């Protein structure tokens, strides 16, 4: 056979590294919640898997034999670890799938006792067998007809096959019940892994049966079976990495995306009020950067609150809809125009008829994140429309003011739903609701008077 992937230490290093990475990902949770049975089962499985594949390269098997001073001691070492790994897989699936109950504790206890008995049987049969000739690559077929070594080998392969069949059956039933996207992906990887494990067992059984019948099918055990075991272990490790790291990465991606979407509105608000906290670099967490950006925006909204007008926003939203803009875009344009008018009023000289009331405005304005993103999207992509409707709003309010009507913006003059609560602003949901926005070109300073 020219295909000898199992003879290279690199083939075993890849799954060992994946197991180690998965274990490191779990380590922070493991330190905080060691009492969690799922975490304990995961730690046992990943730790044993790492040890198995660190031990499997032929050079390492020889070192283990030399250190122990017993020919083929590496076989009992690896087979006992691999059997414990199979038991840990079943233990984890049962613990992962079923809620805490006496039945679950009973089933996990039964799995533990069964595989402890298999490990004890491996040790006993190995002690009773004659294994004086060191075999690093073909131990299973070389000793297939040797008393007690035959039982030793069969006991391991049967235990591995049983675990693969039982695990595949439980995973198939569990897959129908799983709703979480990342958990479903992890279950799929595990199903594929155990399918490869069954192919490993078929190759091993076939090679041993060939020895018993006088045929030379040793290549099935020496060359064909190990790649299936390597791929199986790699998929198991990937399943745990996906199940653990996937939701974390997805959440970080969401935070980064929202942070970018709020950038135009945040930049505009910096002209209203400077940030209360120092800017953070990329070393800070995504959640912290987003919270600081939201805080800066909310500080600006707090300052502009007395000058915001729900009626103005509604007029601009209706006009934007009439101009052909979709509802979320129209709401974003209306909010941006309202903010621009409020910023102009904030920076305007005091007017006895429209005095500044920010000293009395103390409540925190609550605006949905989706609405802030609509406004930010409008500032990034619809600057021309904002400018046009801003001029229309100023012209309309000037006309209303000339007729003795208060159109918006002074303290105590805001009608309808506003940004928050307090003197000069009444309760309301804010701009409204709508989907998020995407990144685009730069923005105009809201604080610049028209």
Protein backbone atom coordinates (compact mmCIF):
# COMPACT_ATOMS: atom_id res chain seq x y z
CA UNK A 1 0.00 0.00 0.00
CA UNK A 2 1.32 3.43 -0.95
CA UNK A 3 -1.38 5.30 0.95
CA UNK A 4 0.12 5.35 4.42
CA UNK A 5 -1.39 8.34 6.16
CA UNK A 6 -1.32 6.50 9.48
CA UNK A 7 2.47 6.23 9.43
CA UNK A 8 3.03 9.99 9.81
CA UNK A 9 2.90 11.78 13.13
CA UNK A 10 1.29 14.78 11.38
CA UNK A 11 -1.86 12.72 10.78
CA UNK A 12 -2.28 12.27 14.53
CA UNK A 13 -1.16 15.78 15.42
CA UNK A 14 -4.13 17.38 13.65
CA UNK A 15 -6.88 15.72 15.74
CA UNK A 16 -4.76 16.06 18.88
CA UNK A 17 -4.46 19.80 18.20
CA UNK A 18 -8.19 20.13 17.54
CA UNK A 19 -8.99 18.35 20.80
CA UNK A 20 -6.56 20.61 22.65
CA UNK A 21 -8.10 23.75 21.09
CA UNK A 22 -11.60 22.61 22.03
CA UNK A 23 -10.41 21.93 25.58
CA UNK A 24 -8.81 25.38 25.85
CA UNK A 25 -12.04 27.00 24.63
CA UNK A 26 -13.93 25.17 27.38
CA UNK A 27 -11.36 25.89 30.08
CA UNK A 28 -12.71 29.29 31.28
CA UNK A 29 -16.20 27.83 31.75
CA UNK A 30 -14.71 24.75 33.34
CA UNK A 31 -12.95 26.80 35.98
CA UNK A 32 -16.13 28.68 36.89
CA UNK A 33 -18.59 25.79 36.78
CA UNK A 34 -16.82 22.50 37.41
CA UNK A 35 -19.98 21.15 39.06
CA UNK A 36 -21.80 21.28 35.72
CA UNK A 37 -22.03 17.63 34.55
CA UNK A 38 -21.94 18.61 30.87
CA UNK A 39 -18.72 20.55 31.37
CA UNK A 40 -17.17 17.69 33.31
CA UNK A 41 -18.09 15.17 30.62
CA UNK A 42 -16.74 17.48 27.91
CA UNK A 43 -13.47 18.01 29.78
CA UNK A 44 -12.99 14.26 30.25
CA UNK A 45 -13.71 13.51 26.60
CA UNK A 46 -11.45 16.24 25.20
CA UNK A 47 -8.63 15.46 27.59
CA UNK A 48 -8.70 11.74 26.83
CA UNK A 49 -8.97 12.40 23.08
CA UNK A 50 -5.86 14.56 23.21
CA UNK A 51 -3.91 11.87 25.09
CA UNK A 52 -4.99 9.16 22.65
CA UNK A 53 -3.79 10.97 19.55
CA UNK A 54 -0.61 12.20 21.17
CA UNK A 55 0.19 8.55 21.94
CA UNK A 56 -0.73 7.03 18.55
CA UNK A 57 2.23 7.94 16.28
CA UNK A 58 4.45 4.83 15.92
CA UNK A 59 7.47 6.62 17.39
CA UNK A 60 5.49 7.54 20.50
CA UNK A 61 4.15 4.00 20.83
CA UNK A 62 7.73 2.74 20.89
CA UNK A 63 8.68 5.32 23.53
CA UNK A 64 5.79 4.19 25.72
CA UNK A 65 6.94 0.56 25.42
CA UNK A 66 10.49 1.53 26.34
CA UNK A 67 9.38 3.64 29.32
CA UNK A 68 7.12 0.87 30.62
CA UNK A 69 9.68 -1.86 29.97
CA UNK A 70 6.91 -4.13 28.66
CA UNK A 71 6.63 -5.10 24.97
CA UNK A 72 3.46 -3.68 23.43
CA UNK A 73 2.44 -1.94 26.65
CA UNK A 74 1.45 0.97 24.41
CA UNK A 75 -1.37 -1.21 23.06
CA UNK A 76 -3.09 -1.60 26.41
CA UNK A 77 -2.39 2.08 27.19
CA UNK A 78 -3.99 3.33 23.95
CA UNK A 79 -6.85 0.82 23.95
CA UNK A 80 -7.81 1.63 27.54
CA UNK A 81 -7.72 5.37 26.78
CA UNK A 82 -9.73 4.87 23.58
CA UNK A 83 -12.31 2.80 25.47
CA UNK A 84 -12.61 5.48 28.12
CA UNK A 85 -13.01 8.00 25.29
CA UNK A 86 -15.91 5.95 23.84
CA UNK A 87 -17.57 5.84 27.24
CA UNK A 88 -17.07 9.58 27.71
CA UNK A 89 -18.74 10.19 24.34
CA UNK A 90 -21.86 8.30 25.41
CA UNK A 91 -21.78 9.93 28.83
CA UNK A 92 -21.63 13.37 27.25
CA UNK A 93 -24.41 12.73 24.73
CA UNK A 94 -26.73 11.43 27.45
CA UNK A 95 -25.90 14.35 29.75
CA UNK A 96 -26.14 16.88 26.92
CA UNK A 97 -29.42 15.59 25.56
CA UNK A 98 -31.47 14.75 28.64
CA UNK A 99 -32.54 17.09 31.46
CA UNK A 100 -31.24 16.32 34.97
CA UNK A 101 -33.14 13.41 36.43
CA UNK A 102 -32.69 10.14 38.26
CA UNK A 103 -33.02 8.31 34.93
CA UNK A 104 -30.14 10.31 33.47
CA UNK A 105 -27.93 9.64 36.46
CA UNK A 106 -28.76 5.94 36.21
CA UNK A 107 -27.93 5.79 32.50
CA UNK A 108 -24.63 7.62 32.88
CA UNK A 109 -23.73 5.35 35.79
CA UNK A 110 -24.48 2.30 33.66
CA UNK A 111 -22.27 3.62 30.85
CA UNK A 112 -19.46 4.28 33.31
CA UNK A 113 -19.68 0.81 34.83
CA UNK A 114 -19.88 -0.90 31.43
CA UNK A 115 -16.79 0.79 30.05
CA UNK A 116 -14.91 0.40 33.32
CA UNK A 117 -15.59 -3.33 33.00
CA UNK A 118 -14.26 -3.28 29.41
CA UNK A 119 -11.08 -1.49 30.55
CA UNK A 120 -10.62 -4.07 33.31
CA UNK A 121 -11.09 -6.83 30.74
CA UNK A 122 -8.47 -5.27 28.48
CA UNK A 123 -5.96 -5.18 31.31
CA UNK A 124 -6.66 -8.80 32.33
CA UNK A 125 -6.47 -10.23 28.81
CA UNK A 126 -3.27 -8.31 28.11
CA UNK A 127 -1.64 -9.70 31.26
CA UNK A 128 -2.62 -13.25 30.33
CA UNK A 129 -1.43 -13.00 26.71
CA UNK A 130 1.94 -13.64 25.13
CA UNK A 131 2.93 -10.35 23.46
CA UNK A 132 6.73 -10.49 23.43
CA UNK A 133 7.10 -9.26 19.83
CA UNK A 134 6.67 -5.48 19.58
CA UNK A 135 4.26 -4.51 16.80
CA UNK A 136 3.72 -0.79 16.26
CA UNK A 137 1.58 -0.84 13.10
CA UNK A 138 -0.06 -4.26 12.72
CA UNK A 139 -0.64 -5.50 16.25
CA UNK A 140 -4.33 -6.35 15.62
CA UNK A 141 -3.67 -8.71 12.70
CA UNK A 142 -0.32 -10.05 13.94
CA UNK A 143 -1.89 -11.27 17.21
CA UNK A 144 -5.37 -12.01 15.77
CA UNK A 145 -4.97 -15.77 16.44
CA UNK A 146 -2.93 -15.53 19.65
CA UNK A 147 -4.77 -16.68 22.80
CA UNK A 148 -5.87 -13.82 25.04
CA UNK A 149 -4.42 -11.21 22.68
CA UNK A 150 -7.23 -12.20 20.34
CA UNK A 151 -9.75 -11.51 23.09
CA UNK A 152 -7.91 -8.32 23.98
CA UNK A 153 -8.25 -7.00 20.42
CA UNK A 154 -11.85 -8.12 19.96
CA UNK A 155 -12.92 -6.62 23.26
CA UNK A 156 -11.68 -3.20 22.17
CA UNK A 157 -13.21 -3.33 18.67
CA UNK A 158 -16.57 -4.58 19.99
CA UNK A 159 -16.68 -1.82 22.63
CA UNK A 160 -15.84 0.81 19.99
CA UNK A 161 -18.53 -0.52 17.65
CA UNK A 162 -21.13 -0.56 20.40
CA UNK A 163 -20.41 3.03 21.38
CA UNK A 164 -20.58 4.17 17.73
CA UNK A 165 -23.93 2.44 17.14
CA UNK A 166 -25.52 3.66 20.37
CA UNK A 167 -24.21 7.21 19.89
CA UNK A 168 -25.41 7.32 16.27
CA UNK A 169 -28.88 6.21 17.35
CA UNK A 170 -29.12 8.80 20.14
CA UNK A 171 -27.84 11.56 17.88
CA UNK A 172 -30.36 10.69 15.18
CA UNK A 173 -33.23 10.94 17.65
CA UNK A 174 -31.80 14.08 19.23
CA UNK A 175 -31.36 15.89 15.90
CA UNK A 176 -35.13 16.05 15.47
CA UNK A 177 -35.48 17.84 18.80
CA UNK A 178 -32.66 20.39 18.46
CA UNK A 179 -33.73 23.95 17.63
CA UNK A 180 -30.49 25.89 18.19
CA UNK A 181 -28.61 26.38 14.92
CA UNK A 182 -25.11 25.90 16.27
CA UNK A 183 -26.10 22.87 18.32
CA UNK A 184 -27.67 21.29 15.23
CA UNK A 185 -24.41 21.79 13.37
CA UNK A 186 -22.50 20.18 16.21
CA UNK A 187 -24.87 17.20 16.16
CA UNK A 188 -24.38 16.84 12.39
CA UNK A 189 -20.60 16.74 12.82
CA UNK A 190 -20.97 14.12 15.53
CA UNK A 191 -23.24 12.00 13.32
CA UNK A 192 -20.67 12.08 10.53
CA UNK A 193 -17.91 11.24 13.00
CA UNK A 194 -19.65 8.13 14.28
CA UNK A 195 -20.42 7.02 10.73
CA UNK A 196 -16.67 7.11 10.05
CA UNK A 197 -16.10 5.25 13.32
CA UNK A 198 -18.30 2.43 12.07
CA UNK A 199 -16.23 2.23 8.87
CA UNK A 200 -13.13 1.95 11.07
CA UNK A 201 -14.71 -0.98 12.89
CA UNK A 202 -15.73 -2.70 9.65
CA UNK A 203 -12.16 -2.47 8.35
CA UNK A 204 -10.77 -3.86 11.61
CA UNK A 205 -13.24 -6.75 11.77
CA UNK A 206 -12.62 -7.60 8.12
CA UNK A 207 -8.86 -7.73 8.59
CA UNK A 208 -9.15 -9.92 11.70
CA UNK A 209 -11.66 -12.22 9.97
CA UNK A 210 -9.25 -12.49 7.07
CA UNK A 211 -6.52 -13.71 9.42
CA UNK A 212 -8.87 -16.28 10.89
CA UNK A 213 -9.79 -17.60 7.43
CA UNK A 214 -6.21 -17.63 6.15
CA UNK A 215 -6.56 -14.57 3.87
CA UNK A 216 -4.17 -11.61 3.86
CA UNK A 217 -6.41 -8.61 4.45
CA UNK A 218 -3.96 -6.99 6.85
CA UNK A 219 -3.89 -3.79 4.80
CA UNK A 220 -7.47 -3.08 5.90
CA UNK A 221 -6.32 -2.79 9.51
CA UNK A 222 -2.88 -1.26 8.91
CA UNK A 223 -3.65 1.26 6.17
CA UNK A 224 -7.41 1.63 5.61
CA UNK A 225 -8.80 1.77 9.16
CA UNK A 226 -6.56 4.48 10.76
CA UNK A 227 -7.64 7.31 8.41
CA UNK A 228 -11.26 6.70 9.41
CA UNK A 229 -10.32 6.94 13.08
CA UNK A 230 -8.34 10.13 12.47
CA UNK A 231 -11.20 11.72 10.55
CA UNK A 232 -13.68 10.60 13.21
CA UNK A 233 -11.69 12.25 15.98
CA UNK A 234 -11.24 15.42 13.95
CA UNK A 235 -14.99 15.72 13.37
CA UNK A 236 -15.74 15.12 17.05
CA UNK A 237 -13.33 17.89 18.01
CA UNK A 238 -14.78 20.21 15.36
CA UNK A 239 -18.28 19.49 16.70
CA UNK A 240 -17.28 20.71 20.14
CA UNK A 241 -15.48 23.74 18.72
CA UNK A 242 -18.53 24.63 16.62
CA UNK A 243 -20.93 24.10 19.51
CA UNK A 244 -18.88 26.23 21.89
CA UNK A 245 -17.15 28.86 19.75
CA UNK A 246 -19.91 29.28 17.13
CA UNK A 247 -22.38 31.21 19.31
CA UNK A 248 -19.57 33.34 20.75
CA UNK A 249 -18.27 34.28 17.28
CA UNK A 250 -21.80 34.92 16.02
CA UNK A 251 -22.50 37.25 18.96
CA UNK A 252 -19.21 39.09 18.44
CA UNK A 253 -20.01 39.48 14.75
CA UNK A 254 -23.41 40.93 15.64
CA UNK A 255 -21.87 43.39 18.08
CA UNK A 256 -19.22 44.51 15.58
CA UNK A 257 -21.85 44.90 12.84
CA UNK A 258 -24.10 46.99 15.09
CA UNK A 259 -21.11 49.06 16.21
CA UNK A 260 -20.32 49.90 12.57
CA UNK A 261 -23.94 50.65 11.72
CA UNK A 262 -24.14 53.23 14.52
CA UNK A 263 -20.96 55.03 13.43
CA UNK A 264 -22.59 57.86 11.40
CA UNK A 265 -25.03 58.70 14.19
CA UNK A 266 -22.26 58.47 16.79
CA UNK A 267 -20.05 60.84 14.79
CA UNK A 268 -22.91 63.30 14.53
CA UNK A 269 -23.60 63.12 18.26
CA UNK A 270 -19.97 63.90 19.07
CA UNK A 271 -20.70 67.42 17.80
CA UNK A 272 -23.50 67.69 20.35
CA UNK A 273 -21.66 66.37 23.39
CA UNK A 274 -18.14 64.94 23.77
CA UNK A 275 -17.84 61.28 24.81
CA UNK A 276 -17.90 60.77 28.56
CA UNK A 277 -15.47 57.85 28.41
CA UNK A 278 -12.15 57.65 26.58
CA UNK A 279 -12.18 55.98 23.18
CA UNK A 280 -11.14 52.33 23.21
CA UNK A 281 -8.97 50.50 20.71
CA UNK A 282 -9.36 47.08 19.19
CA UNK A 283 -8.02 45.46 22.35
CA UNK A 284 -11.30 46.27 24.08
CA UNK A 285 -14.18 43.89 23.86
CA UNK A 286 -16.77 44.35 21.13
CA UNK A 287 -19.52 44.65 23.73
CA UNK A 288 -17.64 47.40 25.57
CA UNK A 289 -17.03 49.39 22.37
CA UNK A 290 -20.70 49.11 21.43
CA UNK A 291 -21.84 50.23 24.88
CA UNK A 292 -19.56 53.25 24.77
CA UNK A 293 -20.91 54.16 21.35
CA UNK A 294 -24.49 53.79 22.56
CA UNK A 295 -23.68 55.89 25.64
CA UNK A 296 -22.30 58.70 23.47
CA UNK A 297 -25.42 58.60 21.28
CA UNK A 298 -27.75 58.59 24.28
CA UNK A 299 -25.85 61.50 25.83
CA UNK A 300 -26.49 63.45 22.65
CA UNK A 301 -30.16 62.48 22.63
CA UNK A 302 -30.45 63.54 26.26
CA UNK A 303 -29.15 66.99 25.37
CA UNK A 304 -31.33 67.32 22.28
CA UNK A 305 -34.44 65.95 24.00
CA UNK A 306 -36.18 69.29 24.70
CA UNK A 307 -35.95 70.26 21.02
CA UNK A 308 -37.20 67.07 19.41
CA UNK A 309 -40.67 66.99 17.90
CA UNK A 310 -42.83 63.95 17.22
CA UNK A 311 -45.10 65.96 14.92
CA UNK A 312 -42.10 67.05 12.87
CA UNK A 313 -40.94 63.49 12.52
CA UNK A 314 -44.38 62.34 11.46
CA UNK A 315 -44.63 65.06 8.81
CA UNK A 316 -41.20 64.23 7.40
CA UNK A 317 -41.91 60.49 7.49
CA UNK A 318 -45.13 61.00 5.50
CA UNK A 319 -43.32 63.21 3.01
CA UNK A 320 -40.49 60.67 2.62
CA UNK A 321 -43.01 57.89 2.05
CA UNK A 322 -44.75 60.01 -0.56
CA UNK A 323 -41.38 60.54 -2.24
CA UNK A 324 -41.03 56.77 -2.67
CA UNK A 325 -38.74 55.83 0.25
CA UNK A 326 -39.44 52.54 2.06
CA UNK A 327 -40.89 52.73 5.57
CA UNK A 328 -37.61 52.05 7.47
CA UNK A 329 -35.72 54.57 5.31
CA UNK A 330 -38.51 57.14 5.72
CA UNK A 331 -38.40 56.75 9.49
CA UNK A 332 -34.62 57.10 9.47
CA UNK A 333 -34.78 60.25 7.34
CA UNK A 334 -37.47 61.72 9.61
CA UNK A 335 -35.38 61.00 12.68
CA UNK A 336 -32.24 62.48 11.12
CA UNK A 337 -34.10 65.65 10.09
CA UNK A 338 -35.58 65.96 13.59
CA UNK A 339 -32.13 65.61 15.13
CA UNK A 340 -30.70 68.20 12.75
CA UNK A 341 -33.46 70.66 13.57
CA UNK A 342 -33.00 70.01 17.29
CA UNK A 343 -29.24 70.55 16.98
CA UNK A 344 -29.83 73.86 15.20
CA UNK A 345 -32.24 74.92 17.94
CA UNK A 346 -29.76 73.87 20.63
CA UNK A 347 -26.99 76.01 19.14
CA UNK A 348 -29.27 78.97 18.40
CA UNK A 349 -29.25 82.02 20.72
CA UNK A 350 -31.78 81.99 23.53
CA UNK A 351 -35.25 83.01 22.41
CA UNK A 352 -37.69 84.27 25.04
CA UNK A 353 -40.49 82.49 23.22
CA UNK A 354 -38.47 79.22 22.96
CA UNK A 355 -36.14 79.14 25.96
CA UNK A 356 -33.60 76.39 26.47
CA UNK A 357 -34.91 73.89 29.00
CA UNK A 358 -32.07 71.40 29.11
CA UNK A 359 -31.36 72.17 32.74
CA UNK A 360 -34.76 70.76 33.61
CA UNK A 361 -34.46 67.76 31.26
CA UNK A 362 -33.21 64.93 33.40
CA UNK A 363 -34.89 61.72 32.22
CA UNK A 364 -32.96 59.28 30.03
CA UNK A 365 -34.31 59.05 26.47
CA UNK A 366 -35.03 55.46 25.43
CA UNK A 367 -34.80 54.77 21.70
CA UNK A 368 -34.83 51.26 20.21
CA UNK A 369 -31.52 50.16 18.71
CA UNK A 370 -33.26 49.37 15.43
CA UNK A 371 -34.46 52.99 15.21
CA UNK A 372 -30.99 54.33 15.92
CA UNK A 373 -29.69 52.13 13.12
CA UNK A 374 -32.37 53.49 10.77
CA UNK A 375 -31.24 57.04 11.50
CA UNK A 376 -27.59 56.10 11.14
CA UNK A 377 -28.33 54.39 7.82
CA UNK A 378 -30.13 57.50 6.59
CA UNK A 379 -27.21 59.71 7.60
CA UNK A 380 -24.84 57.46 5.66
CA UNK A 381 -26.87 56.84 2.51
CA UNK A 382 -29.56 59.53 2.17
CA UNK A 383 -27.79 62.80 2.90
CA UNK A 384 -29.41 64.56 -0.07
CA UNK A 385 -32.91 63.57 1.05
CA UNK A 386 -32.17 64.64 4.63
CA UNK A 387 -30.95 68.02 3.45
CA UNK A 388 -34.01 68.52 1.24
CA UNK A 389 -36.51 67.60 3.94
CA UNK A 390 -34.54 69.63 6.48
CA UNK A 391 -35.00 72.76 4.36
CA UNK A 392 -38.69 71.95 3.98
CA UNK A 393 -39.05 71.49 7.73
CA UNK A 394 -37.37 74.82 8.45
CA UNK A 395 -39.54 76.58 5.90
CA UNK A 396 -42.71 75.00 7.28
CA UNK A 397 -41.83 75.79 10.90
CA UNK A 398 -40.91 79.35 10.03
CA UNK A 399 -44.31 79.72 8.37
CA UNK A 400 -46.05 78.20 11.36
CA UNK A 401 -44.11 80.43 13.75
CA UNK A 402 -45.13 83.48 11.74
CA UNK A 403 -48.76 82.41 12.18
CA UNK A 404 -48.40 82.00 15.93
CA UNK A 405 -48.14 78.25 15.87
CA UNK A 406 -45.50 76.44 17.82
CA UNK A 407 -44.29 73.71 15.45
CA UNK A 408 -41.80 72.07 17.50
CA UNK A 409 -38.92 72.28 19.13
CA UNK A 410 -39.09 74.37 22.26
CA UNK A 411 -39.30 73.24 25.81
CA UNK A 412 -42.72 71.98 26.65
CA UNK A 413 -43.84 72.17 23.03
CA UNK A 414 -43.22 68.64 21.85
CA UNK A 415 -46.39 66.76 21.12
CA UNK A 416 -46.88 63.04 20.71
CA UNK A 417 -44.31 60.34 21.17
CA UNK A 418 -40.79 61.62 21.68
CA UNK A 419 -37.37 60.32 22.58
CA UNK A 420 -37.98 59.96 26.28
CA UNK A 421 -39.36 61.62 29.35
CA UNK A 422 -38.81 64.84 31.19
CA UNK A 423 -39.59 68.55 30.93
CA UNK A 424 -39.87 69.46 27.30
CA UNK A 425 -40.32 65.86 26.10
CA UNK A 426 -43.20 63.52 26.68
CA UNK A 427 -43.29 59.77 26.92
CA UNK A 428 -43.14 57.74 23.76
CA UNK A 429 -41.33 54.99 21.94
CA UNK A 430 -38.90 57.27 20.10
CA UNK A 431 -38.48 57.20 16.35
CA UNK A 432 -40.20 53.83 16.03
CA UNK A 433 -38.99 50.52 14.79
CA UNK A 434 -37.39 49.10 11.68
CA UNK A 435 -34.64 46.81 10.42
CA UNK A 436 -30.96 47.55 10.75
CA UNK A 437 -28.71 49.19 8.22
CA UNK A 438 -25.42 48.56 6.54
CA UNK A 439 -22.17 50.44 6.33
CA UNK A 440 -21.56 53.18 3.79
CA UNK A 441 -19.87 56.56 3.21
CA UNK A 442 -19.43 59.38 5.63
CA UNK A 443 -21.92 61.69 7.40
CA UNK A 444 -22.75 65.31 7.93
CA UNK A 445 -22.42 67.00 11.31
CA UNK A 446 -25.82 67.21 12.94
CA UNK A 447 -24.67 70.11 15.01
CA UNK A 448 -24.11 72.36 12.03
CA UNK A 449 -27.00 74.80 11.74
CA UNK A 450 -28.77 74.87 8.40
